[in-house]
Amino acid sequence: MATGAPDYFKRILLYGLHHGEATPLACNSAGWLLAAVEELVDTLFYDDFEADLTRWLTGGSGTGHAATIDTTRSRSGALSCKLVPGSTSGYQSYIYHAEPLQDNQRWGFEFYWYTEDVPEKVLIYIDYRDGSQHYEFFFRWLSSDQSLWITDSGGAWVQVGTNAGVSDIWYTWNRMKLVLDFSLKSYVRAIFNEQTIDLSSYSVAASGAASDKAVNFEIINEHNDASQPVIYVDDCRITIDEP
C-alpha cells in the first residue's frame, strides 16, 4: 500500500514551492526544503530483503554471476542482496523489479549499496514503457575517477557529478536515487550520498516500439575483469508524487 502525507497537505506545500509563496517552508534553504518535501512522497514499492528475492527477477553476464540473499552485511534488518558479477565477458550481475504505470508523473528510484571491493560501475537503469514506445534512463557511478553519469537524448553518456567517493569505513552504505518525469520523458534530479544534482535540462528519446505499459527498475553491478567485486544492496524503494 502506498503511504505518505495526506494528499491535500502535499498539494499545499508544493503550491508554495512552485508559486514562490513566502511561507516558512518556502523560505528555508533549497536543500532542507527538498529533503522535507521528499518525506511526503508516496512509497509504491519497498524491499529490505528480509525474506527472499521473489519480488525481483535476477540476471547477469559472465561465468559465476549471482544475486543472492546474504547475511554478511545489512543496512536494516539482518539481510541484504549480494550481487556478484560474472568472471568472463560481460562481468555483470543485476536485479530488476517492474511496476504497472500509475497516473503520477514523477517517480523516484532509490537504493543503498555497500562494498569492500572496487567494482568498476554501479548503475540504476530505468526502462519506461508507455504503450507505444519505451525510454531508457541511466544513472552511473564510475569508480576510476569517482564520477557520476547519465545518458542524454542521443544515448550518449554525460558526466553530471564529481568527487563521488565511497568508503568502507564503519560499513558505510552509499545512497543512489534517480527522480524522473515520465510525462516529459526527462530527468529531474539525481542523489549520490550528500550530492543532489539538478538534471531537469536532460531528456531522453524513444529507444523503440513497446506495446506494454510498465516501469522497470534495475540495479547493476558491472566490472571490467575476472575479479568479481561484490556489492551488497539494501532498502530499495520506488516512490511517486515526487517534487
Protein backbone atom coordinates (compact mmCIF):
# COMPACT_ATOMS: atom_id res chain seq x y z
CA MET A 1 0.00 0.00 0.00
CA ALA A 2 1.27 3.47 -0.81
CA THR A 3 2.00 5.59 2.21
CA GLY A 4 2.65 9.28 2.77
CA ALA A 5 1.18 12.54 3.95
CA PRO A 6 -2.45 13.37 3.10
CA ASP A 7 -2.77 14.47 -0.50
CA TYR A 8 -4.19 17.91 0.34
CA PHE A 9 -1.26 18.63 2.66
CA LYS A 10 1.28 17.80 -0.03
CA ARG A 11 -0.57 19.95 -2.52
CA ILE A 12 -0.42 22.97 -0.17
CA LEU A 13 3.32 22.54 0.38
CA LEU A 14 4.08 22.05 -3.30
CA TYR A 15 1.94 25.05 -4.25
CA GLY A 16 4.15 27.19 -2.07
CA LEU A 17 7.24 25.75 -3.73
CA HIS A 18 6.15 26.24 -7.31
CA HIS A 19 4.47 29.62 -6.88
CA GLY A 20 7.02 31.34 -4.67
CA GLU A 21 4.77 31.71 -1.63
CA ALA A 22 6.56 33.40 1.27
CA THR A 23 5.69 30.68 3.74
CA PRO A 24 8.15 29.49 6.38
CA LEU A 25 8.61 26.29 4.41
CA ALA A 26 9.27 28.07 1.14
CA CYS A 27 11.74 30.48 2.74
CA ASN A 28 14.16 27.85 4.01
CA SER A 29 17.22 26.66 2.12
CA ALA A 30 16.63 24.66 -1.04
CA GLY A 31 18.42 21.60 0.30
CA TRP A 32 16.43 21.48 3.55
CA LEU A 33 13.22 22.12 1.67
CA LEU A 34 13.80 19.34 -0.83
CA ALA A 35 14.62 16.91 1.97
CA ALA A 36 11.44 17.89 3.82
CA VAL A 37 9.19 17.50 0.80
CA GLU A 38 10.83 14.19 -0.13
CA GLU A 39 9.46 12.81 3.13
CA LEU A 40 5.93 13.42 1.78
CA VAL A 41 6.17 11.26 -1.33
CA ASP A 42 4.19 8.05 -1.61
CA THR A 43 6.05 4.74 -1.49
CA LEU A 44 4.86 2.42 -4.23
CA PHE A 45 7.36 -0.37 -3.58
CA TYR A 46 9.91 -1.12 -0.86
CA ASP A 47 12.16 -4.10 -0.18
CA ASP A 48 14.75 -4.60 2.57
CA PHE A 49 15.47 -8.20 1.50
CA GLU A 50 14.47 -9.68 4.84
CA ALA A 51 12.69 -12.58 3.16
CA ASP A 52 13.85 -13.60 -0.31
CA LEU A 53 14.21 -12.38 -3.90
CA THR A 54 10.74 -13.39 -5.09
CA ARG A 55 9.79 -9.74 -5.75
CA TRP A 56 12.70 -9.40 -8.19
CA LEU A 57 14.00 -11.03 -11.33
CA THR A 58 17.74 -11.61 -11.47
CA GLY A 59 20.31 -11.88 -14.19
CA GLY A 60 23.83 -11.11 -15.31
CA SER A 61 26.56 -11.99 -17.74
CA GLY A 62 29.77 -13.95 -17.42
CA THR A 63 30.58 -17.15 -15.59
CA GLY A 64 29.50 -17.28 -11.95
CA HIS A 65 27.32 -14.17 -11.84
CA ALA A 66 24.90 -14.31 -8.92
CA ALA A 67 22.26 -12.43 -6.96
CA THR A 68 21.50 -13.94 -3.55
CA ILE A 69 20.16 -13.06 -0.11
CA ASP A 70 23.12 -12.69 2.24
CA THR A 71 23.87 -12.20 5.94
CA THR A 72 27.37 -10.67 5.57
CA ARG A 73 26.26 -7.03 5.57
CA SER A 74 22.92 -5.27 6.08
CA ARG A 75 21.80 -1.67 6.36
CA SER A 76 18.49 -2.55 8.04
CA GLY A 77 17.40 -5.84 9.48
CA ALA A 78 19.66 -8.87 9.16
CA LEU A 79 19.85 -9.46 5.40
CA SER A 80 20.75 -7.78 2.13
CA CYS A 81 21.07 -8.74 -1.54
CA LYS A 82 24.57 -9.76 -2.65
CA LEU A 83 25.45 -9.03 -6.31
CA VAL A 84 28.43 -10.87 -7.79
CA PRO A 85 29.36 -10.06 -11.42
CA GLY A 86 30.47 -12.78 -13.80
CA SER A 87 34.15 -13.60 -14.21
CA THR A 88 34.07 -13.68 -18.01
CA SER A 89 32.96 -11.29 -20.74
CA GLY A 90 30.04 -9.09 -19.67
CA TYR A 91 31.09 -9.01 -15.99
CA GLN A 92 27.60 -8.12 -14.70
CA SER A 93 25.07 -9.02 -12.06
CA TYR A 94 21.68 -7.33 -11.64
CA ILE A 95 18.22 -7.44 -10.11
CA TYR A 96 15.11 -5.79 -11.52
CA HIS A 97 11.53 -5.11 -10.46
CA ALA A 98 8.64 -3.91 -12.63
CA GLU A 99 5.51 -1.93 -11.74
CA PRO A 100 2.48 -1.08 -13.90
CA LEU A 101 2.07 2.56 -14.89
CA GLN A 102 0.35 4.90 -12.42
CA ASP A 103 -1.28 8.29 -13.06
CA ASN A 104 1.57 10.08 -11.32
CA GLN A 105 4.13 11.84 -13.48
CA ARG A 106 7.22 11.94 -11.28
CA TRP A 107 8.75 8.73 -9.93
CA GLY A 108 11.76 8.15 -7.69
CA PHE A 109 14.06 5.11 -7.69
CA GLU A 110 16.39 4.64 -4.75
CA PHE A 111 18.65 2.06 -3.13
CA TYR A 112 21.63 1.78 -0.81
CA TRP A 113 24.78 -0.22 -1.53
CA TYR A 114 27.96 -1.21 0.26
CA THR A 115 31.23 -2.71 -0.95
CA GLU A 116 34.57 -3.79 0.43
CA ASP A 117 35.86 -4.26 -3.12
CA VAL A 118 36.20 -1.83 -6.05
CA PRO A 119 33.52 -2.51 -8.68
CA GLU A 120 34.04 -0.59 -11.91
CA LYS A 121 30.43 0.66 -12.11
CA VAL A 122 27.22 0.69 -10.10
CA LEU A 123 24.13 1.71 -12.05
CA ILE A 124 20.42 2.46 -11.89
CA TYR A 125 18.68 1.57 -15.14
CA ILE A 126 15.04 2.52 -15.74
CA ASP A 127 13.01 1.23 -18.69
CA TYR A 128 9.77 3.22 -19.06
CA ARG A 129 7.11 1.87 -21.47
CA ASP A 130 4.05 3.99 -22.26
CA GLY A 131 2.15 1.60 -24.53
CA SER A 132 3.72 2.74 -27.79
CA GLN A 133 7.41 3.46 -27.09
CA HIS A 134 9.99 2.64 -24.46
CA TYR A 135 12.51 5.06 -22.95
CA GLU A 136 15.78 4.24 -21.19
CA PHE A 137 17.26 6.25 -18.31
CA PHE A 138 20.65 5.54 -16.67
CA PHE A 139 22.45 6.85 -13.59
CA ARG A 140 26.00 5.52 -13.20
CA TRP A 141 28.76 5.73 -10.57
CA LEU A 142 32.22 5.15 -12.03
CA SER A 143 34.96 4.06 -9.63
CA SER A 144 38.01 5.06 -11.70
CA ASP A 145 37.53 8.78 -11.05
CA GLN A 146 34.56 8.73 -8.65
CA SER A 147 32.32 10.42 -11.21
CA LEU A 148 28.57 10.34 -11.91
CA TRP A 149 26.97 9.96 -15.34
CA ILE A 150 23.61 9.79 -17.13
CA THR A 151 22.62 9.22 -20.74
CA ASP A 152 21.15 12.05 -22.83
CA SER A 153 18.56 12.22 -25.62
CA GLY A 154 21.11 10.92 -28.11
CA GLY A 155 22.05 7.97 -25.94
CA ALA A 156 25.48 9.40 -25.11
CA TRP A 157 26.99 9.31 -21.64
CA VAL A 158 27.16 12.75 -19.97
CA GLN A 159 29.14 13.42 -16.80
CA VAL A 160 26.99 15.22 -14.22
CA GLY A 161 28.95 14.84 -10.98
CA THR A 162 32.45 14.50 -9.48
CA ASN A 163 34.03 13.65 -6.14
CA ALA A 164 31.53 10.85 -5.54
CA GLY A 165 33.78 8.93 -3.22
CA VAL A 166 32.73 5.80 -1.36
CA SER A 167 34.20 4.34 1.80
CA ASP A 168 34.14 1.03 3.62
CA ILE A 169 34.94 2.70 6.94
CA TRP A 170 32.34 1.81 9.61
CA TYR A 171 30.47 -0.20 6.96
CA THR A 172 29.24 2.94 5.20
CA TRP A 173 26.26 2.47 2.89
CA ASN A 174 26.01 4.66 -0.22
CA ARG A 175 22.72 6.17 -1.33
CA MET A 176 21.76 6.43 -5.01
CA LYS A 177 18.46 7.94 -6.14
CA LEU A 178 17.10 8.98 -9.52
CA VAL A 179 13.93 11.06 -9.99
CA LEU A 180 12.26 11.11 -13.42
CA ASP A 181 9.33 12.95 -15.01
CA PHE A 182 7.69 10.45 -17.33
CA SER A 183 5.23 12.99 -18.72
CA LEU A 184 8.19 14.96 -20.13
CA LYS A 185 10.44 11.95 -20.77
CA SER A 186 13.05 13.76 -18.73
CA TYR A 187 15.33 13.52 -15.74
CA VAL A 188 14.57 15.64 -12.66
CA ARG A 189 17.45 15.07 -10.24
CA ALA A 190 19.92 12.52 -9.00
CA ILE A 191 21.25 11.96 -5.50
CA PHE A 192 24.52 10.31 -4.55
CA ASN A 193 25.15 10.41 -0.80
CA GLU A 194 25.42 14.12 0.09
CA GLN A 195 25.21 15.34 -3.52
CA THR A 196 21.93 16.40 -5.15
CA ILE A 197 22.25 17.13 -8.88
CA ASP A 198 19.70 19.07 -10.93
CA LEU A 199 19.08 17.12 -14.15
CA SER A 200 15.96 18.94 -15.36
CA SER A 201 17.66 20.07 -18.59
CA TYR A 202 18.19 16.46 -19.75
CA SER A 203 15.63 14.33 -21.58
CA VAL A 204 15.71 11.03 -23.45
CA ALA A 205 14.42 9.91 -26.84
CA ALA A 206 12.40 6.77 -27.55
CA SER A 207 14.53 3.64 -27.82
CA GLY A 208 11.99 1.66 -29.81
CA ALA A 209 8.42 0.43 -30.01
CA ALA A 210 6.76 -1.18 -26.96
CA SER A 211 3.09 -2.08 -26.58
CA ASP A 212 3.15 -2.73 -22.83
CA LYS A 213 2.72 -0.14 -20.06
CA ALA A 214 5.20 -0.62 -17.24
CA VAL A 215 8.26 0.76 -15.45
CA ASN A 216 11.27 -1.45 -14.81
CA PHE A 217 13.77 -0.63 -12.02
CA GLU A 218 17.15 -2.34 -12.42
CA ILE A 219 20.24 -2.25 -10.18
CA ILE A 220 23.50 -3.32 -11.81
CA ASN A 221 26.96 -4.26 -10.54
CA GLU A 222 29.33 -4.16 -13.52
CA HIS A 223 33.08 -4.76 -13.66
CA ASN A 224 35.83 -4.98 -16.31
CA ASP A 225 37.82 -8.08 -15.37
CA ALA A 226 37.55 -11.52 -13.75
CA SER A 227 37.97 -10.41 -10.11
CA GLN A 228 34.21 -10.40 -9.32
CA PRO A 229 33.95 -7.48 -6.85
CA VAL A 230 30.85 -7.82 -4.64
CA ILE A 231 28.30 -5.17 -3.70
CA TYR A 232 25.53 -5.54 -1.13
CA VAL A 233 22.18 -3.87 -1.87
CA ASP A 234 19.53 -2.88 0.68
CA ASP A 235 16.47 -0.67 1.23
CA CYS A 236 15.26 -0.38 -2.37
CA ARG A 237 12.35 1.98 -2.92
CA ILE A 238 10.09 3.22 -5.74
CA THR A 239 8.17 6.42 -4.97
CA ILE A 240 5.55 8.50 -6.76
CA ASP A 241 4.36 12.09 -6.31
CA GLU A 242 7.98 13.27 -6.24
CA PRO A 243 8.55 17.07 -6.10
